[in-house]
């Protein structure tokens, strides 16, 4: 991880209280599921669009369906970093730029405070069960369809 990228991420994260990959089922995201497509692959995702929803994320969750996930939506593009404190599920994350292209992917271990930062500025991040992107052949530079603007 480049020092300058982490420092930028840390400043952005400080303003957002470091986006935490955590959340409870009841208040983490809206109850509405948003359909997303990456090539032929469909996902039905919860949306975390407020600061409170992004901070809670998937904290405490013990199950996530194979076609489920959580989409984090940021008001402004930035180097938004994620960690897994209080998240018992192993997750994969896709960092998505403002144009809807996947800028990078990472696997994240449960209950870890290791920061996972995107390689470029992003506007969205999509969390799914660990390994789902790899199983489906989803890679960096793939286009995500259905993102809110």
Protein backbone atom coordinates (compact mmCIF):
# COMPACT_ATOMS: atom_id res chain seq x y z
CA UNK A 1 0.00 0.00 0.00
CA UNK A 2 1.43 3.37 -0.94
CA UNK A 3 1.95 5.73 1.92
CA UNK A 4 0.34 8.67 0.13
CA UNK A 5 -2.75 6.61 -0.73
CA UNK A 6 -3.11 5.51 2.89
CA UNK A 7 -2.68 9.05 4.17
CA UNK A 8 -5.34 10.30 1.76
CA UNK A 9 -7.56 7.41 2.80
CA UNK A 10 -6.95 8.11 6.45
CA UNK A 11 -7.94 11.78 6.07
CA UNK A 12 -11.11 10.83 4.17
CA UNK A 13 -11.83 8.09 6.66
CA UNK A 14 -11.32 10.39 9.61
CA UNK A 15 -14.06 12.60 8.22
CA UNK A 16 -16.27 9.56 7.88
CA UNK A 17 -15.02 7.90 11.07
CA UNK A 18 -13.30 5.30 8.87
CA UNK A 19 -15.91 3.45 6.92
CA UNK A 20 -16.33 0.29 8.90
CA UNK A 21 -17.33 -2.96 7.28
CA UNK A 22 -19.85 -3.68 9.94
CA UNK A 23 -23.56 -3.42 10.62
CA UNK A 24 -26.65 -4.94 12.07
CA UNK A 25 -29.36 -6.43 9.93
CA UNK A 26 -31.98 -4.03 11.21
CA UNK A 27 -30.35 -0.63 10.76
CA UNK A 28 -27.36 -1.19 8.50
CA UNK A 29 -29.01 -0.33 5.22
CA UNK A 30 -32.31 0.39 3.61
CA UNK A 31 -34.79 -2.46 3.34
CA UNK A 32 -34.93 -2.02 -0.43
CA UNK A 33 -32.75 -4.36 -2.48
CA UNK A 34 -31.05 -2.85 -5.51
CA UNK A 35 -30.45 -5.12 -8.51
CA UNK A 36 -26.89 -4.85 -9.86
CA UNK A 37 -25.34 -6.63 -12.84
CA UNK A 38 -21.71 -7.31 -13.56
CA UNK A 39 -21.67 -8.87 -17.00
CA UNK A 40 -24.10 -11.82 -16.86
CA UNK A 41 -24.00 -11.95 -13.03
CA UNK A 42 -26.88 -10.54 -10.98
CA UNK A 43 -26.78 -9.39 -7.36
CA UNK A 44 -29.56 -8.10 -5.09
CA UNK A 45 -27.82 -5.72 -2.69
CA UNK A 46 -28.67 -3.62 0.31
CA UNK A 47 -27.64 0.01 0.00
CA UNK A 48 -25.62 1.89 2.61
CA UNK A 49 -25.84 5.52 1.48
CA UNK A 50 -25.76 7.49 4.74
CA UNK A 51 -22.79 7.90 7.03
CA UNK A 52 -24.53 5.87 9.75
CA UNK A 53 -25.40 3.04 7.32
CA UNK A 54 -21.83 2.95 5.96
CA UNK A 55 -20.37 2.85 9.47
CA UNK A 56 -22.58 -0.10 10.44
CA UNK A 57 -22.26 -2.00 7.17
CA UNK A 58 -22.44 -5.75 7.76
CA UNK A 59 -21.43 -5.76 11.44
CA UNK A 60 -22.67 -8.79 13.28
CA UNK A 61 -24.01 -10.57 10.20
CA UNK A 62 -23.57 -14.33 10.15
CA UNK A 63 -25.11 -15.03 6.73
CA UNK A 64 -25.11 -13.44 3.28
CA UNK A 65 -26.72 -15.12 0.25
CA UNK A 66 -24.53 -15.93 -2.76
CA UNK A 67 -26.33 -13.29 -4.83
CA UNK A 68 -26.57 -10.81 -1.94
CA UNK A 69 -24.29 -8.05 -0.82
CA UNK A 70 -24.04 -4.49 0.37
CA UNK A 71 -23.35 -1.48 -1.83
CA UNK A 72 -21.67 1.46 -0.13
CA UNK A 73 -22.45 4.75 -1.87
CA UNK A 74 -20.34 7.85 -1.20
CA UNK A 75 -21.37 11.41 -1.99
CA UNK A 76 -17.93 12.20 -3.40
CA UNK A 77 -15.23 10.04 -4.98
CA UNK A 78 -12.28 9.39 -2.68
CA UNK A 79 -9.90 6.75 -1.39
CA UNK A 80 -12.40 5.25 1.05
CA UNK A 81 -10.83 2.45 3.12
CA UNK A 82 -12.62 -0.44 4.80
CA UNK A 83 -11.89 -2.78 7.70
CA UNK A 84 -13.66 -5.76 9.26
CA UNK A 85 -13.90 -5.00 12.98
CA UNK A 86 -16.95 -6.77 14.44
CA UNK A 87 -17.78 -8.42 11.10
CA UNK A 88 -17.81 -12.23 11.49
CA UNK A 89 -18.23 -13.03 7.76
CA UNK A 90 -15.28 -13.31 5.37
CA UNK A 91 -16.03 -10.85 2.56
CA UNK A 92 -14.75 -9.81 -0.84
CA UNK A 93 -14.94 -6.16 -1.84
CA UNK A 94 -15.04 -4.49 -5.23
CA UNK A 95 -13.91 -0.87 -5.29
CA UNK A 96 -15.93 0.89 -8.01
CA UNK A 97 -15.15 4.25 -9.60
CA UNK A 98 -17.68 6.98 -10.45
CA UNK A 99 -18.05 5.57 -14.00
CA UNK A 100 -19.07 2.16 -12.62
CA UNK A 101 -15.82 0.33 -13.42
CA UNK A 102 -14.25 -1.98 -10.85
CA UNK A 103 -10.96 -0.33 -9.85
CA UNK A 104 -9.80 -3.19 -7.64
CA UNK A 105 -10.83 -6.22 -5.62
CA UNK A 106 -9.78 -7.50 -2.20
CA UNK A 107 -10.59 -10.37 0.15
CA UNK A 108 -11.10 -9.37 3.79
CA UNK A 109 -10.77 -11.57 6.85
CA UNK A 110 -13.36 -11.54 9.65
CA UNK A 111 -12.87 -9.34 12.70
CA UNK A 112 -9.69 -7.76 11.32
CA UNK A 113 -8.67 -4.12 11.65
CA UNK A 114 -6.40 -4.36 8.61
CA UNK A 115 -7.38 -1.48 6.30
CA UNK A 116 -8.32 -2.32 2.71
CA UNK A 117 -7.93 0.73 0.48
CA UNK A 118 -8.77 1.14 -3.21
CA UNK A 119 -6.02 1.68 -5.80
CA UNK A 120 -7.77 4.84 -7.05
CA UNK A 121 -10.61 7.16 -6.08
CA UNK A 122 -13.95 5.36 -5.84
CA UNK A 123 -17.57 6.34 -5.46
CA UNK A 124 -18.91 2.88 -4.57
CA UNK A 125 -17.82 -0.32 -2.87
CA UNK A 126 -19.61 -3.65 -3.17
CA UNK A 127 -19.21 -6.33 -0.49
CA UNK A 128 -20.19 -9.93 -1.18
CA UNK A 129 -19.41 -13.33 0.32
CA UNK A 130 -15.72 -14.01 0.08
CA UNK A 131 -14.83 -15.70 -3.19
CA UNK A 132 -18.01 -14.75 -5.11
CA UNK A 133 -16.18 -12.42 -7.50
CA UNK A 134 -13.53 -15.05 -8.21
CA UNK A 135 -16.12 -17.85 -8.63
CA UNK A 136 -17.99 -15.74 -11.16
CA UNK A 137 -14.89 -14.58 -13.05
CA UNK A 138 -15.45 -10.92 -12.08
CA UNK A 139 -12.24 -8.89 -12.34
CA UNK A 140 -10.93 -5.33 -12.20
CA UNK A 141 -12.13 -3.15 -15.08
CA UNK A 142 -15.49 -4.99 -15.32
CA UNK A 143 -18.50 -2.65 -15.56
CA UNK A 144 -21.17 -2.60 -12.84
CA UNK A 145 -24.68 -1.80 -14.10
CA UNK A 146 -27.56 -0.45 -12.00
CA UNK A 147 -25.58 1.82 -9.67
CA UNK A 148 -27.46 4.81 -8.20
CA UNK A 149 -26.24 8.18 -9.45
